[in-house]
Amino acid sequence: MIIPDIDAFEERAAIAEHDGGLSRLEAENLAARVQGFESAEAYWQWLADYVVNRNVP
């Protein structure tokens, strides 16, 4: 089971965007893949499902 680390995601995405010159979407996709998600979309969907259902998918 993958449980996202929001702080690590945000930090990695910010560094990749600022220092790496990636777009925000590219940086978020990279940060999501590092945590085992296919994309930033999959990462955010996991979090949305968690908030709505109040349990780990």
PDB file of N, CA and C in Angstrom:
ATOM      1  N   MET A   1       0.841  -1.175   0.000  1.00  0.00           N
ATOM      2  CA  MET A   1       0.000   0.000   0.000  1.00  0.00           C
ATOM      3  C   MET A   1       0.889   1.242   0.000  1.00  0.00           C
ATOM      4  N   ILE A   2       0.571   2.177  -0.849  1.00  0.00           N
ATOM      5  CA  ILE A   2       1.321   3.421  -0.950  1.00  0.00           C
ATOM      6  C   ILE A   2       0.594   4.491  -0.135  1.00  0.00           C
ATOM      7  N   ILE A   3       1.307   5.108   0.789  1.00  0.00           N
ATOM      8  CA  ILE A   3       0.749   6.233   1.543  1.00  0.00           C
ATOM      9  C   ILE A   3       1.627   7.442   1.253  1.00  0.00           C
ATOM     10  N   PRO A   4       1.055   8.465   0.642  1.00  0.00           N
ATOM     11  CA  PRO A   4       1.860   9.613   0.237  1.00  0.00           C
ATOM     12  C   PRO A   4       2.394  10.434   1.410  1.00  0.00           C
ATOM     13  N   ASP A   5       3.550  11.004   1.187  1.00  0.00           N
ATOM     14  CA  ASP A   5       4.157  11.937   2.132  1.00  0.00           C
ATOM     15  C   ASP A   5       4.033  13.317   1.493  1.00  0.00           C
ATOM     16  N   ILE A   6       3.056  14.083   1.945  1.00  0.00           N
ATOM     17  CA  ILE A   6       2.743  15.369   1.316  1.00  0.00           C
ATOM     18  C   ILE A   6       3.917  16.332   1.407  1.00  0.00           C
ATOM     19  N   ASP A   7       4.569  16.390   2.551  1.00  0.00           N
ATOM     20  CA  ASP A   7       5.706  17.316   2.707  1.00  0.00           C
ATOM     21  C   ASP A   7       6.827  16.980   1.733  1.00  0.00           C
ATOM     22  N   ALA A   8       7.152  15.693   1.615  1.00  0.00           N
ATOM     23  CA  ALA A   8       8.212  15.275   0.694  1.00  0.00           C
ATOM     24  C   ALA A   8       7.811  15.548  -0.751  1.00  0.00           C
ATOM     25  N   PHE A   9       6.542  15.310  -1.071  1.00  0.00           N
ATOM     26  CA  PHE A   9       6.046  15.567  -2.423  1.00  0.00           C
ATOM     27  C   PHE A   9       6.208  17.045  -2.776  1.00  0.00           C
ATOM     28  N   GLU A  10       5.723  17.912  -1.902  1.00  0.00           N
ATOM     29  CA  GLU A  10       5.788  19.350  -2.169  1.00  0.00           C
ATOM     30  C   GLU A  10       7.228  19.843  -2.269  1.00  0.00           C
ATOM     31  N   GLU A  11       8.093  19.346  -1.383  1.00  0.00           N
ATOM     32  CA  GLU A  11       9.490  19.774  -1.403  1.00  0.00           C
ATOM     33  C   GLU A  11      10.185  19.322  -2.685  1.00  0.00           C
ATOM     34  N   ARG A  12      10.003  18.054  -3.047  1.00  0.00           N
ATOM     35  CA  ARG A  12      10.654  17.545  -4.255  1.00  0.00           C
ATOM     36  C   ARG A  12      10.148  18.275  -5.494  1.00  0.00           C
ATOM     37  N   ALA A  13       8.841  18.503  -5.565  1.00  0.00           N
ATOM     38  CA  ALA A  13       8.265  19.200  -6.720  1.00  0.00           C
ATOM     39  C   ALA A  13       8.803  20.628  -6.807  1.00  0.00           C
ATOM     40  N   ALA A  14       8.887  21.304  -5.688  1.00  0.00           N
ATOM     41  CA  ALA A  14       9.387  22.682  -5.687  1.00  0.00           C
ATOM     42  C   ALA A  14      10.846  22.749  -6.131  1.00  0.00           C
ATOM     43  N   ILE A  15      11.657  21.827  -5.635  1.00  0.00           N
ATOM     44  CA  ILE A  15      13.071  21.811  -6.023  1.00  0.00           C
ATOM     45  C   ILE A  15      13.214  21.494  -7.507  1.00  0.00           C
ATOM     46  N   ALA A  16      12.467  20.506  -7.976  1.00  0.00           N
ATOM     47  CA  ALA A  16      12.551  20.125  -9.396  1.00  0.00           C
ATOM     48  C   ALA A  16      12.103  21.269 -10.294  1.00  0.00           C
ATOM     49  N   GLU A  17      11.100  22.003  -9.842  1.00  0.00           N
ATOM     50  CA  GLU A  17      10.608  23.134 -10.647  1.00  0.00           C
ATOM     51  C   GLU A  17      11.602  24.289 -10.615  1.00  0.00           C
ATOM     52  N   HIS A  18      12.053  24.645  -9.426  1.00  0.00           N
ATOM     53  CA  HIS A  18      12.926  25.813  -9.293  1.00  0.00           C
ATOM     54  C   HIS A  18      14.343  25.538  -9.774  1.00  0.00           C
ATOM     55  N   ASP A  19      14.970  24.503  -9.231  1.00  0.00           N
ATOM     56  CA  ASP A  19      16.365  24.219  -9.560  1.00  0.00           C
ATOM     57  C   ASP A  19      16.509  23.419 -10.850  1.00  0.00           C
ATOM     58  N   GLY A  20      15.513  22.575 -11.137  1.00  0.00           N
ATOM     59  CA  GLY A  20      15.610  21.715 -12.311  1.00  0.00           C
ATOM     60  C   GLY A  20      15.012  22.304 -13.570  1.00  0.00           C
ATOM     61  N   GLY A  21      14.289  23.416 -13.417  1.00  0.00           N
ATOM     62  CA  GLY A  21      13.719  24.069 -14.588  1.00  0.00           C
ATOM     63  C   GLY A  21      12.528  23.347 -15.192  1.00  0.00           C
ATOM     64  N   LEU A  22      11.929  22.430 -14.435  1.00  0.00           N
ATOM     65  CA  LEU A  22      10.763  21.716 -14.946  1.00  0.00           C
ATOM     66  C   LEU A  22       9.513  22.572 -14.778  1.00  0.00           C
ATOM     67  N   SER A  23       8.504  22.293 -15.588  1.00  0.00           N
ATOM     68  CA  SER A  23       7.211  22.938 -15.374  1.00  0.00           C
ATOM     69  C   SER A  23       6.626  22.385 -14.087  1.00  0.00           C
ATOM     70  N   ARG A  24       5.615  23.032 -13.547  1.00  0.00           N
ATOM     71  CA  ARG A  24       5.013  22.546 -12.300  1.00  0.00           C
ATOM     72  C   ARG A  24       4.458  21.140 -12.491  1.00  0.00           C
ATOM     73  N   LEU A  25       3.794  20.894 -13.623  1.00  0.00           N
ATOM     74  CA  LEU A  25       3.233  19.568 -13.878  1.00  0.00           C
ATOM     75  C   LEU A  25       4.336  18.515 -13.972  1.00  0.00           C
ATOM     76  N   GLU A  26       5.414  18.814 -14.688  1.00  0.00           N
ATOM     77  CA  GLU A  26       6.527  17.868 -14.796  1.00  0.00           C
ATOM     78  C   GLU A  26       7.136  17.593 -13.424  1.00  0.00           C
ATOM     79  N   ALA A  27       7.285  18.645 -12.631  1.00  0.00           N
ATOM     80  CA  ALA A  27       7.873  18.496 -11.296  1.00  0.00           C
ATOM     81  C   ALA A  27       6.971  17.662 -10.392  1.00  0.00           C
ATOM     82  N   GLU A  28       5.658  17.894 -10.458  1.00  0.00           N
ATOM     83  CA  GLU A  28       4.734  17.104  -9.642  1.00  0.00           C
ATOM     84  C   GLU A  28       4.683  15.652 -10.110  1.00  0.00           C
ATOM     85  N   ASN A  29       4.756  15.434 -11.419  1.00  0.00           N
ATOM     86  CA  ASN A  29       4.792  14.050 -11.916  1.00  0.00           C
ATOM     87  C   ASN A  29       6.037  13.331 -11.403  1.00  0.00           C
ATOM     88  N   LEU A  30       7.166  14.005 -11.408  1.00  0.00           N
ATOM     89  CA  LEU A  30       8.403  13.426 -10.890  1.00  0.00           C
ATOM     90  C   LEU A  30       8.250  13.092  -9.404  1.00  0.00           C
ATOM     91  N   ALA A  31       7.757  14.033  -8.636  1.00  0.00           N
ATOM     92  CA  ALA A  31       7.590  13.823  -7.198  1.00  0.00           C
ATOM     93  C   ALA A  31       6.619  12.675  -6.920  1.00  0.00           C
ATOM     94  N   ALA A  32       5.587  12.549  -7.719  1.00  0.00           N
ATOM     95  CA  ALA A  32       4.621  11.459  -7.543  1.00  0.00           C
ATOM     96  C   ALA A  32       5.256  10.111  -7.865  1.00  0.00           C
ATOM     97  N   ARG A  33       6.030  10.057  -8.941  1.00  0.00           N
ATOM     98  CA  ARG A  33       6.677   8.795  -9.321  1.00  0.00           C
ATOM     99  C   ARG A  33       7.675   8.336  -8.256  1.00  0.00           C
ATOM    100  N   VAL A  34       8.377   9.279  -7.636  1.00  0.00           N
ATOM    101  CA  VAL A  34       9.325   8.932  -6.575  1.00  0.00           C
ATOM    102  C   VAL A  34       8.603   8.228  -5.426  1.00  0.00           C
ATOM    103  N   GLN A  35       7.352   8.588  -5.201  1.00  0.00           N
ATOM    104  CA  GLN A  35       6.581   7.971  -4.123  1.00  0.00           C
ATOM    105  C   GLN A  35       5.800   6.738  -4.576  1.00  0.00           C
ATOM    106  N   GLY A  36       5.984   6.339  -5.827  1.00  0.00           N
ATOM    107  CA  GLY A  36       5.357   5.113  -6.300  1.00  0.00           C
ATOM    108  C   GLY A  36       4.052   5.287  -7.047  1.00  0.00           C
ATOM    109  N   PHE A  37       3.673   6.508  -7.332  1.00  0.00           N
ATOM    110  CA  PHE A  37       2.460   6.781  -8.104  1.00  0.00           C
ATOM    111  C   PHE A  37       2.819   6.949  -9.574  1.00  0.00           C
ATOM    112  N   GLU A  38       1.868   6.661 -10.448  1.00  0.00           N
ATOM    113  CA  GLU A  38       2.119   6.784 -11.891  1.00  0.00           C
ATOM    114  C   GLU A  38       2.289   8.228 -12.322  1.00  0.00           C
ATOM    115  N   SER A  39       1.569   9.129 -11.670  1.00  0.00           N
ATOM    116  CA  SER A  39       1.566  10.537 -12.079  1.00  0.00           C
ATOM    117  C   SER A  39       1.066  11.403 -10.934  1.00  0.00           C
ATOM    118  N   ALA A  40       1.187  12.714 -11.117  1.00  0.00           N
ATOM    119  CA  ALA A  40       0.643  13.639 -10.131  1.00  0.00           C
ATOM    120  C   ALA A  40      -0.871  13.479 -10.044  1.00  0.00           C
ATOM    121  N   GLU A  41      -1.506  13.217 -11.163  1.00  0.00           N
ATOM    122  CA  GLU A  41      -2.955  13.017 -11.161  1.00  0.00           C
ATOM    123  C   GLU A  41      -3.339  11.843 -10.258  1.00  0.00           C
ATOM    124  N   ALA A  42      -2.608  10.740 -10.354  1.00  0.00           N
ATOM    125  CA  ALA A  42      -2.881   9.574  -9.510  1.00  0.00           C
ATOM    126  C   ALA A  42      -2.618   9.897  -8.042  1.00  0.00           C
ATOM    127  N   TYR A  43      -1.580  10.665  -7.790  1.00  0.00           N
ATOM    128  CA  TYR A  43      -1.251  11.081  -6.427  1.00  0.00           C
ATOM    129  C   TYR A  43      -2.390  11.901  -5.840  1.00  0.00           C
ATOM    130  N   TRP A  44      -2.825  12.943  -6.555  1.00  0.00           N
ATOM    131  CA  TRP A  44      -3.894  13.812  -6.050  1.00  0.00           C
ATOM    132  C   TRP A  44      -5.210  13.060  -5.932  1.00  0.00           C
ATOM    133  N   GLN A  45      -5.459  12.105  -6.829  1.00  0.00           N
ATOM    134  CA  GLN A  45      -6.681  11.316  -6.740  1.00  0.00           C
ATOM    135  C   GLN A  45      -6.675  10.459  -5.485  1.00  0.00           C
ATOM    136  N   TRP A  46      -5.533   9.864  -5.145  1.00  0.00           N
ATOM    137  CA  TRP A  46      -5.418   9.080  -3.922  1.00  0.00           C
ATOM    138  C   TRP A  46      -5.774   9.942  -2.717  1.00  0.00           C
ATOM    139  N   LEU A  47      -5.204  11.154  -2.678  1.00  0.00           N
ATOM    140  CA  LEU A  47      -5.478  12.046  -1.552  1.00  0.00           C
ATOM    141  C   LEU A  47      -6.949  12.445  -1.503  1.00  0.00           C
ATOM    142  N   ALA A  48      -7.550  12.738  -2.655  1.00  0.00           N
ATOM    143  CA  ALA A  48      -8.967  13.105  -2.704  1.00  0.00           C
ATOM    144  C   ALA A  48      -9.839  11.958  -2.212  1.00  0.00           C
ATOM    145  N   ASP A  49      -9.531  10.749  -2.652  1.00  0.00           N
ATOM    146  CA  ASP A  49     -10.287   9.577  -2.200  1.00  0.00           C
ATOM    147  C   ASP A  49     -10.154   9.400  -0.690  1.00  0.00           C
ATOM    148  N   TYR A  50      -8.962   9.631  -0.183  1.00  0.00           N
ATOM    149  CA  TYR A  50      -8.740   9.507   1.260  1.00  0.00           C
ATOM    150  C   TYR A  50      -9.593  10.512   2.036  1.00  0.00           C
ATOM    151  N   VAL A  51      -9.602  11.760   1.568  1.00  0.00           N
ATOM    152  CA  VAL A  51     -10.364  12.804   2.252  1.00  0.00           C
ATOM    153  C   VAL A  51     -11.866  12.471   2.231  1.00  0.00           C
ATOM    154  N   VAL A  52     -12.367  12.029   1.092  1.00  0.00           N
ATOM    155  CA  VAL A  52     -13.791  11.733   0.963  1.00  0.00           C
ATOM    156  C   VAL A  52     -14.176  10.506   1.777  1.00  0.00           C
ATOM    157  N   ASN A  53     -13.377   9.467   1.707  1.00  0.00           N
ATOM    158  CA  ASN A  53     -13.728   8.190   2.347  1.00  0.00           C
ATOM    159  C   ASN A  53     -13.180   8.045   3.767  1.00  0.00           C
ATOM    160  N   ARG A  54     -12.228   8.880   4.129  1.00  0.00           N
ATOM    161  CA  ARG A  54     -11.598   8.864   5.453  1.00  0.00           C
ATOM    162  C   ARG A  54     -10.954   7.536   5.802  1.00  0.00           C
ATOM    163  N   ASN A  55     -10.441   6.873   4.783  1.00  0.00           N
ATOM    164  CA  ASN A  55      -9.639   5.677   5.032  1.00  0.00           C
ATOM    165  C   ASN A  55      -8.658   5.486   3.885  1.00  0.00           C
ATOM    166  N   VAL A  56      -7.700   4.648   4.085  1.00  0.00           N
ATOM    167  CA  VAL A  56      -6.678   4.404   3.074  1.00  0.00           C
ATOM    168  C   VAL A  56      -7.266   3.489   2.009  1.00  0.00           C
ATOM    169  N   PRO A  57      -7.211   3.928   0.746  1.00  0.00           N
ATOM    170  CA  PRO A  57      -7.757   3.096  -0.339  1.00  0.00           C
ATOM    171  C   PRO A  57      -7.046   1.759  -0.472  1.00  0.00           C
TER     172      PRO A  57
END
